[in-house]
Amino acid sequence: MIDVKGAVKTEGLYELPAGSRINDAIEAAGGFLPEADSRSINLAVIVLDESAVYVPKQGEESLMPVATAGTSAEPGLVDLNSATADELTELPGIGPAKAAAIVSHRTENGPFKSVEQLMDVTGIGEKSFEQLKELVRIR
């Protein structure tokens, strides 16, 4: 679910498929209002489940962090204990095999208790962990 707020036609929560972009979320909300400052938003950014997108009006500062290239809107963190394999593949360096390994590890060993436990998953070492640690969370 993506929370779309601000200068859009219909604010609200929208369910979008994995890999959707901010542009898709805004389109789901009916598009921009005429007073929207569409230039302040990177429409190409992929939004993750539980993200919020705020569209400011022209001349208004964004009330929420707006996603920039390579990041997702707040909160935009992938929960290692509830993410699907498809959601995990949105993370850098995580393809279908590593996503399946994460889900399998979680199924066999129970929920992750810390982000650092990601390094216990086959195929994820320090280099991968360094890339992922700021993009994942445990809930």
N, C-alpha and C. Protein backbone atom coordinates (compact mmCIF):
# COMPACT_ATOMS: atom_id res chain seq x y z
N MET A 1 0.84 -1.17 0.00
CA MET A 1 0.00 0.00 0.00
C MET A 1 0.89 1.24 0.00
N ILE A 2 0.49 2.18 -0.81
CA ILE A 2 1.21 3.45 -0.92
C ILE A 2 0.25 4.55 -0.49
N ASP A 3 0.70 5.45 0.37
CA ASP A 3 -0.11 6.57 0.86
C ASP A 3 0.22 7.79 0.01
N VAL A 4 -0.76 8.27 -0.76
CA VAL A 4 -0.55 9.42 -1.64
C VAL A 4 -1.31 10.61 -1.07
N LYS A 5 -0.59 11.72 -0.85
CA LYS A 5 -1.17 12.91 -0.21
C LYS A 5 -0.76 14.16 -0.97
N GLY A 6 -1.44 15.24 -0.65
CA GLY A 6 -1.06 16.53 -1.19
C GLY A 6 -1.88 16.92 -2.40
N ALA A 7 -1.23 17.55 -3.37
CA ALA A 7 -1.90 18.14 -4.53
C ALA A 7 -2.19 17.10 -5.62
N VAL A 8 -2.98 16.09 -5.23
CA VAL A 8 -3.47 15.08 -6.17
C VAL A 8 -4.99 15.09 -6.11
N LYS A 9 -5.63 14.55 -7.14
CA LYS A 9 -7.09 14.61 -7.20
C LYS A 9 -7.76 13.84 -6.07
N THR A 10 -7.25 12.65 -5.73
CA THR A 10 -7.88 11.85 -4.68
C THR A 10 -6.81 11.27 -3.76
N GLU A 11 -6.59 11.92 -2.61
CA GLU A 11 -5.64 11.41 -1.64
C GLU A 11 -6.12 10.06 -1.11
N GLY A 12 -5.18 9.21 -0.73
CA GLY A 12 -5.59 7.95 -0.13
C GLY A 12 -4.52 6.88 -0.23
N LEU A 13 -4.92 5.68 0.20
CA LEU A 13 -4.05 4.51 0.14
C LEU A 13 -4.33 3.76 -1.15
N TYR A 14 -3.27 3.38 -1.84
CA TYR A 14 -3.42 2.68 -3.11
C TYR A 14 -2.54 1.44 -3.12
N GLU A 15 -3.12 0.33 -3.56
CA GLU A 15 -2.36 -0.90 -3.70
C GLU A 15 -1.81 -0.95 -5.12
N LEU A 16 -0.50 -1.02 -5.22
CA LEU A 16 0.18 -1.03 -6.51
C LEU A 16 1.06 -2.27 -6.61
N PRO A 17 1.26 -2.77 -7.82
CA PRO A 17 2.13 -3.94 -7.97
C PRO A 17 3.59 -3.60 -7.65
N ALA A 18 4.35 -4.63 -7.26
CA ALA A 18 5.77 -4.45 -7.00
C ALA A 18 6.44 -3.84 -8.22
N GLY A 19 7.37 -2.93 -7.99
CA GLY A 19 8.07 -2.29 -9.08
C GLY A 19 7.40 -1.02 -9.59
N SER A 20 6.27 -0.64 -8.97
CA SER A 20 5.58 0.58 -9.39
C SER A 20 6.42 1.80 -9.03
N ARG A 21 6.18 2.86 -9.76
CA ARG A 21 6.94 4.09 -9.58
C ARG A 21 6.05 5.18 -9.00
N ILE A 22 6.67 6.27 -8.55
CA ILE A 22 5.90 7.39 -8.00
C ILE A 22 4.87 7.85 -9.01
N ASN A 23 5.22 7.86 -10.29
CA ASN A 23 4.26 8.25 -11.33
C ASN A 23 3.01 7.37 -11.28
N ASP A 24 3.18 6.06 -11.07
CA ASP A 24 2.04 5.14 -10.99
C ASP A 24 1.15 5.47 -9.79
N ALA A 25 1.78 5.80 -8.66
CA ALA A 25 1.02 6.14 -7.46
C ALA A 25 0.20 7.41 -7.68
N ILE A 26 0.80 8.40 -8.33
CA ILE A 26 0.09 9.65 -8.59
C ILE A 26 -1.04 9.43 -9.58
N GLU A 27 -0.80 8.62 -10.59
CA GLU A 27 -1.87 8.28 -11.55
C GLU A 27 -3.02 7.56 -10.85
N ALA A 28 -2.69 6.65 -9.92
CA ALA A 28 -3.73 5.93 -9.18
C ALA A 28 -4.58 6.91 -8.36
N ALA A 29 -3.97 8.00 -7.93
CA ALA A 29 -4.67 9.02 -7.15
C ALA A 29 -5.38 10.04 -8.06
N GLY A 30 -5.47 9.75 -9.33
CA GLY A 30 -6.20 10.62 -10.25
C GLY A 30 -5.36 11.68 -10.92
N GLY A 31 -4.07 11.70 -10.62
CA GLY A 31 -3.18 12.67 -11.25
C GLY A 31 -3.00 13.92 -10.40
N PHE A 32 -2.19 14.82 -10.92
CA PHE A 32 -1.89 16.07 -10.23
C PHE A 32 -3.07 17.03 -10.29
N LEU A 33 -3.22 17.84 -9.24
CA LEU A 33 -4.11 19.00 -9.29
C LEU A 33 -3.37 20.09 -10.07
N PRO A 34 -4.10 21.07 -10.62
CA PRO A 34 -3.43 22.13 -11.40
C PRO A 34 -2.36 22.88 -10.61
N GLU A 35 -2.54 23.00 -9.31
CA GLU A 35 -1.57 23.76 -8.49
C GLU A 35 -0.40 22.91 -7.99
N ALA A 36 -0.31 21.67 -8.41
CA ALA A 36 0.77 20.77 -7.96
C ALA A 36 2.12 21.22 -8.52
N ASP A 37 3.14 21.08 -7.70
CA ASP A 37 4.51 21.35 -8.14
C ASP A 37 5.13 20.03 -8.59
N SER A 38 4.77 19.60 -9.78
CA SER A 38 5.22 18.30 -10.29
C SER A 38 6.72 18.25 -10.55
N ARG A 39 7.35 19.40 -10.71
CA ARG A 39 8.79 19.42 -10.98
C ARG A 39 9.63 19.07 -9.76
N SER A 40 9.02 19.11 -8.58
CA SER A 40 9.79 18.83 -7.37
C SER A 40 9.85 17.34 -7.04
N ILE A 41 9.23 16.51 -7.87
CA ILE A 41 9.15 15.08 -7.59
C ILE A 41 9.80 14.28 -8.71
N ASN A 42 10.60 13.31 -8.34
CA ASN A 42 11.20 12.40 -9.31
C ASN A 42 10.20 11.28 -9.56
N LEU A 43 9.49 11.35 -10.65
CA LEU A 43 8.43 10.40 -10.96
C LEU A 43 8.94 9.00 -11.28
N ALA A 44 10.21 8.85 -11.54
CA ALA A 44 10.77 7.56 -11.94
C ALA A 44 11.16 6.66 -10.77
N VAL A 45 11.12 7.18 -9.55
CA VAL A 45 11.56 6.40 -8.39
C VAL A 45 10.57 5.27 -8.11
N ILE A 46 11.11 4.09 -7.84
CA ILE A 46 10.28 2.94 -7.45
C ILE A 46 9.83 3.14 -6.01
N VAL A 47 8.54 2.95 -5.77
CA VAL A 47 8.01 3.06 -4.41
C VAL A 47 7.85 1.66 -3.82
N LEU A 48 8.18 1.54 -2.57
CA LEU A 48 8.06 0.27 -1.87
C LEU A 48 6.80 0.27 -1.03
N ASP A 49 6.35 -0.91 -0.67
CA ASP A 49 5.19 -1.06 0.19
C ASP A 49 5.39 -0.22 1.45
N GLU A 50 4.33 0.41 1.92
CA GLU A 50 4.32 1.26 3.10
C GLU A 50 5.00 2.60 2.89
N SER A 51 5.20 3.01 1.63
CA SER A 51 5.78 4.32 1.34
C SER A 51 4.69 5.38 1.35
N ALA A 52 5.11 6.60 1.56
CA ALA A 52 4.21 7.74 1.45
C ALA A 52 4.78 8.68 0.39
N VAL A 53 3.89 9.21 -0.43
CA VAL A 53 4.28 10.18 -1.46
C VAL A 53 3.48 11.45 -1.19
N TYR A 54 4.18 12.56 -1.03
CA TYR A 54 3.51 13.84 -0.83
C TYR A 54 3.81 14.74 -2.01
N VAL A 55 2.76 15.27 -2.63
CA VAL A 55 2.91 16.18 -3.77
C VAL A 55 2.64 17.60 -3.27
N PRO A 56 3.67 18.44 -3.21
CA PRO A 56 3.46 19.81 -2.73
C PRO A 56 2.79 20.68 -3.79
N LYS A 57 2.16 21.75 -3.31
CA LYS A 57 1.62 22.76 -4.22
C LYS A 57 2.78 23.66 -4.64
N GLN A 58 2.61 24.36 -5.74
CA GLN A 58 3.64 25.28 -6.21
C GLN A 58 3.92 26.30 -5.11
N GLY A 59 5.19 26.52 -4.82
CA GLY A 59 5.60 27.48 -3.81
C GLY A 59 5.62 26.91 -2.40
N GLU A 60 5.16 25.69 -2.22
CA GLU A 60 5.12 25.05 -0.91
C GLU A 60 6.32 24.13 -0.77
N GLU A 61 6.90 24.09 0.43
CA GLU A 61 7.94 23.11 0.69
C GLU A 61 7.26 21.80 1.03
N SER A 62 7.86 20.72 0.60
CA SER A 62 7.31 19.40 0.88
C SER A 62 7.27 19.16 2.38
N LEU A 63 6.14 18.63 2.86
CA LEU A 63 6.01 18.30 4.28
C LEU A 63 6.63 16.96 4.61
N MET A 64 6.83 16.14 3.58
CA MET A 64 7.41 14.81 3.76
C MET A 64 8.62 14.69 2.86
N PRO A 65 9.55 13.85 3.21
CA PRO A 65 10.68 13.65 2.30
C PRO A 65 10.17 13.15 0.95
N VAL A 66 10.66 13.74 -0.10
CA VAL A 66 10.28 13.31 -1.44
C VAL A 66 11.39 12.43 -1.96
N ALA A 67 11.03 11.34 -2.56
CA ALA A 67 12.03 10.39 -3.04
C ALA A 67 12.91 11.04 -4.10
N THR A 68 14.17 10.70 -4.06
CA THR A 68 15.11 11.16 -5.07
C THR A 68 15.71 9.94 -5.75
N ALA A 69 16.47 10.17 -6.76
CA ALA A 69 17.02 9.05 -7.54
C ALA A 69 17.70 8.04 -6.64
N GLY A 70 17.32 6.79 -6.81
CA GLY A 70 17.96 5.71 -6.07
C GLY A 70 17.42 5.47 -4.68
N THR A 71 16.42 6.24 -4.25
CA THR A 71 15.85 6.02 -2.93
C THR A 71 14.35 5.96 -3.05
N SER A 72 13.70 5.59 -1.99
CA SER A 72 12.25 5.54 -1.97
C SER A 72 11.74 6.56 -0.97
N ALA A 73 10.50 6.94 -1.14
CA ALA A 73 9.88 7.90 -0.23
C ALA A 73 9.78 7.29 1.17
N GLU A 74 9.77 8.12 2.18
CA GLU A 74 9.64 7.69 3.56
C GLU A 74 8.36 6.92 3.76
N PRO A 75 8.26 5.82 4.50
CA PRO A 75 9.38 5.21 5.12
C PRO A 75 10.21 4.38 4.16
N GLY A 76 9.60 3.72 3.20
CA GLY A 76 10.32 3.06 2.12
C GLY A 76 11.28 1.97 2.51
N LEU A 77 11.22 1.47 3.73
CA LEU A 77 12.10 0.39 4.14
C LEU A 77 11.38 -0.93 3.96
N VAL A 78 12.11 -1.92 3.51
CA VAL A 78 11.53 -3.25 3.31
C VAL A 78 11.66 -4.03 4.61
N ASP A 79 10.55 -4.54 5.10
CA ASP A 79 10.54 -5.34 6.33
C ASP A 79 10.97 -6.76 5.99
N LEU A 80 12.09 -7.18 6.53
CA LEU A 80 12.62 -8.51 6.23
C LEU A 80 11.69 -9.63 6.70
N ASN A 81 10.82 -9.35 7.66
CA ASN A 81 9.95 -10.39 8.20
C ASN A 81 8.60 -10.49 7.50
N SER A 82 8.28 -9.56 6.61
CA SER A 82 6.99 -9.65 5.93
C SER A 82 7.08 -9.48 4.42
N ALA A 83 8.23 -9.08 3.92
CA ALA A 83 8.37 -8.83 2.48
C ALA A 83 8.24 -10.11 1.67
N THR A 84 7.57 -10.00 0.54
CA THR A 84 7.47 -11.11 -0.39
C THR A 84 8.77 -11.18 -1.20
N ALA A 85 8.96 -12.28 -1.91
CA ALA A 85 10.14 -12.40 -2.77
C ALA A 85 10.14 -11.29 -3.81
N ASP A 86 8.97 -10.95 -4.37
CA ASP A 86 8.89 -9.87 -5.36
C ASP A 86 9.34 -8.55 -4.76
N GLU A 87 8.91 -8.26 -3.54
CA GLU A 87 9.30 -7.00 -2.89
C GLU A 87 10.80 -6.99 -2.61
N LEU A 88 11.35 -8.12 -2.24
CA LEU A 88 12.78 -8.19 -1.96
C LEU A 88 13.62 -7.96 -3.22
N THR A 89 13.11 -8.37 -4.38
CA THR A 89 13.88 -8.18 -5.62
C THR A 89 13.97 -6.71 -6.02
N GLU A 90 13.20 -5.85 -5.37
CA GLU A 90 13.31 -4.41 -5.64
C GLU A 90 14.57 -3.82 -5.01
N LEU A 91 15.16 -4.55 -4.09
CA LEU A 91 16.36 -4.07 -3.42
C LEU A 91 17.58 -4.26 -4.33
N PRO A 92 18.56 -3.36 -4.24
CA PRO A 92 19.75 -3.47 -5.09
C PRO A 92 20.53 -4.75 -4.78
N GLY A 93 20.90 -5.47 -5.83
CA GLY A 93 21.69 -6.68 -5.68
C GLY A 93 20.90 -7.92 -5.28
N ILE A 94 19.58 -7.79 -5.16
CA ILE A 94 18.75 -8.94 -4.79
C ILE A 94 17.94 -9.36 -6.00
N GLY A 95 18.33 -10.50 -6.55
CA GLY A 95 17.58 -11.09 -7.65
C GLY A 95 16.65 -12.16 -7.11
N PRO A 96 15.98 -12.88 -7.99
CA PRO A 96 15.04 -13.91 -7.55
C PRO A 96 15.66 -14.98 -6.65
N ALA A 97 16.90 -15.39 -6.92
CA ALA A 97 17.54 -16.44 -6.12
C ALA A 97 17.81 -15.96 -4.69
N LYS A 98 18.37 -14.76 -4.54
CA LYS A 98 18.65 -14.24 -3.20
C LYS A 98 17.35 -13.94 -2.46
N ALA A 99 16.34 -13.44 -3.17
CA ALA A 99 15.04 -13.17 -2.54
C ALA A 99 14.45 -14.47 -2.00
N ALA A 100 14.53 -15.53 -2.80
CA ALA A 100 14.02 -16.83 -2.36
C ALA A 100 14.82 -17.34 -1.16
N ALA A 101 16.13 -17.10 -1.14
CA ALA A 101 16.96 -17.52 -0.02
C ALA A 101 16.58 -16.78 1.26
N ILE A 102 16.25 -15.49 1.15
CA ILE A 102 15.83 -14.71 2.32
C ILE A 102 14.51 -15.27 2.87
N VAL A 103 13.55 -15.49 1.97
CA VAL A 103 12.25 -16.02 2.39
C VAL A 103 12.42 -17.41 3.00
N SER A 104 13.24 -18.24 2.39
CA SER A 104 13.50 -19.59 2.89
C SER A 104 14.15 -19.55 4.27
N HIS A 105 15.13 -18.67 4.44
CA HIS A 105 15.80 -18.53 5.74
C HIS A 105 14.79 -18.13 6.81
N ARG A 106 13.93 -17.20 6.48
CA ARG A 106 12.91 -16.73 7.42
C ARG A 106 11.94 -17.87 7.78
N THR A 107 11.56 -18.66 6.79
CA THR A 107 10.63 -19.77 7.01
C THR A 107 11.26 -20.85 7.88
N GLU A 108 12.52 -21.17 7.61
CA GLU A 108 13.20 -22.25 8.33
C GLU A 108 13.68 -21.85 9.72
N ASN A 109 14.05 -20.58 9.91
CA ASN A 109 14.66 -20.14 11.16
C ASN A 109 13.81 -19.19 11.99
N GLY A 110 12.63 -18.86 11.50
CA GLY A 110 11.79 -17.90 12.21
C GLY A 110 12.14 -16.49 11.80
N PRO A 111 11.42 -15.52 12.34
CA PRO A 111 11.63 -14.12 11.93
C PRO A 111 13.03 -13.61 12.27
N PHE A 112 13.48 -12.68 11.46
CA PHE A 112 14.75 -12.01 11.74
C PHE A 112 14.58 -11.20 13.02
N LYS A 113 15.60 -11.20 13.85
CA LYS A 113 15.58 -10.41 15.08
C LYS A 113 16.41 -9.14 14.95
N SER A 114 17.29 -9.13 13.95
CA SER A 114 18.10 -7.94 13.68
C SER A 114 18.41 -7.89 12.19
N VAL A 115 18.68 -6.70 11.70
CA VAL A 115 19.04 -6.52 10.30
C VAL A 115 20.33 -7.28 9.99
N GLU A 116 21.24 -7.33 10.97
CA GLU A 116 22.52 -7.99 10.78
C GLU A 116 22.37 -9.48 10.46
N GLN A 117 21.26 -10.09 10.89
CA GLN A 117 21.04 -11.51 10.60
C GLN A 117 20.88 -11.78 9.11
N LEU A 118 20.70 -10.74 8.33
CA LEU A 118 20.63 -10.89 6.88
C LEU A 118 21.90 -11.56 6.36
N MET A 119 23.02 -11.33 7.05
CA MET A 119 24.29 -11.94 6.62
C MET A 119 24.32 -13.45 6.85
N ASP A 120 23.35 -13.98 7.58
CA ASP A 120 23.25 -15.43 7.78
C ASP A 120 22.64 -16.12 6.56
N VAL A 121 22.06 -15.34 5.66
CA VAL A 121 21.41 -15.89 4.47
C VAL A 121 22.48 -16.24 3.44
N THR A 122 22.38 -17.43 2.87
CA THR A 122 23.31 -17.88 1.84
C THR A 122 23.32 -16.88 0.69
N GLY A 123 24.52 -16.43 0.31
CA GLY A 123 24.65 -15.51 -0.81
C GLY A 123 24.71 -14.04 -0.42
N ILE A 124 24.52 -13.75 0.87
CA ILE A 124 24.59 -12.35 1.32
C ILE A 124 25.76 -12.22 2.29
N GLY A 125 26.78 -11.52 1.81
CA GLY A 125 27.96 -11.28 2.63
C GLY A 125 28.02 -9.83 3.06
N GLU A 126 29.19 -9.42 3.54
CA GLU A 126 29.35 -8.06 4.03
C GLU A 126 29.09 -7.01 2.96
N LYS A 127 29.58 -7.27 1.75
CA LYS A 127 29.41 -6.30 0.67
C LYS A 127 27.93 -6.08 0.36
N SER A 128 27.18 -7.16 0.23
CA SER A 128 25.74 -7.05 -0.02
C SER A 128 25.04 -6.39 1.16
N PHE A 129 25.44 -6.79 2.38
CA PHE A 129 24.82 -6.24 3.58
C PHE A 129 25.02 -4.73 3.64
N GLU A 130 26.22 -4.25 3.35
CA GLU A 130 26.49 -2.81 3.38
C GLU A 130 25.56 -2.06 2.43
N GLN A 131 25.24 -2.68 1.30
CA GLN A 131 24.34 -2.07 0.31
C GLN A 131 22.90 -2.05 0.81
N LEU A 132 22.54 -3.02 1.63
CA LEU A 132 21.14 -3.23 2.01
C LEU A 132 20.76 -2.68 3.38
N LYS A 133 21.71 -2.53 4.29
CA LYS A 133 21.37 -2.27 5.69
C LYS A 133 20.52 -1.02 5.92
N GLU A 134 20.65 -0.02 5.08
CA GLU A 134 19.86 1.21 5.25
C GLU A 134 18.50 1.12 4.55
N LEU A 135 18.26 0.03 3.83
CA LEU A 135 17.03 -0.12 3.04
C LEU A 135 16.06 -1.13 3.64
N VAL A 136 16.49 -1.82 4.69
CA VAL A 136 15.65 -2.85 5.29
C VAL A 136 15.42 -2.56 6.77
N ARG A 137 14.40 -3.20 7.31
CA ARG A 137 14.10 -3.04 8.73
C ARG A 137 13.51 -4.34 9.26
N ILE A 138 13.41 -4.40 10.57
CA ILE A 138 12.77 -5.52 11.26
C ILE A 138 11.60 -4.92 12.03
N ARG A 139 10.44 -5.53 11.86
CA ARG A 139 9.28 -5.06 12.61
C ARG A 139 8.72 -6.17 13.42
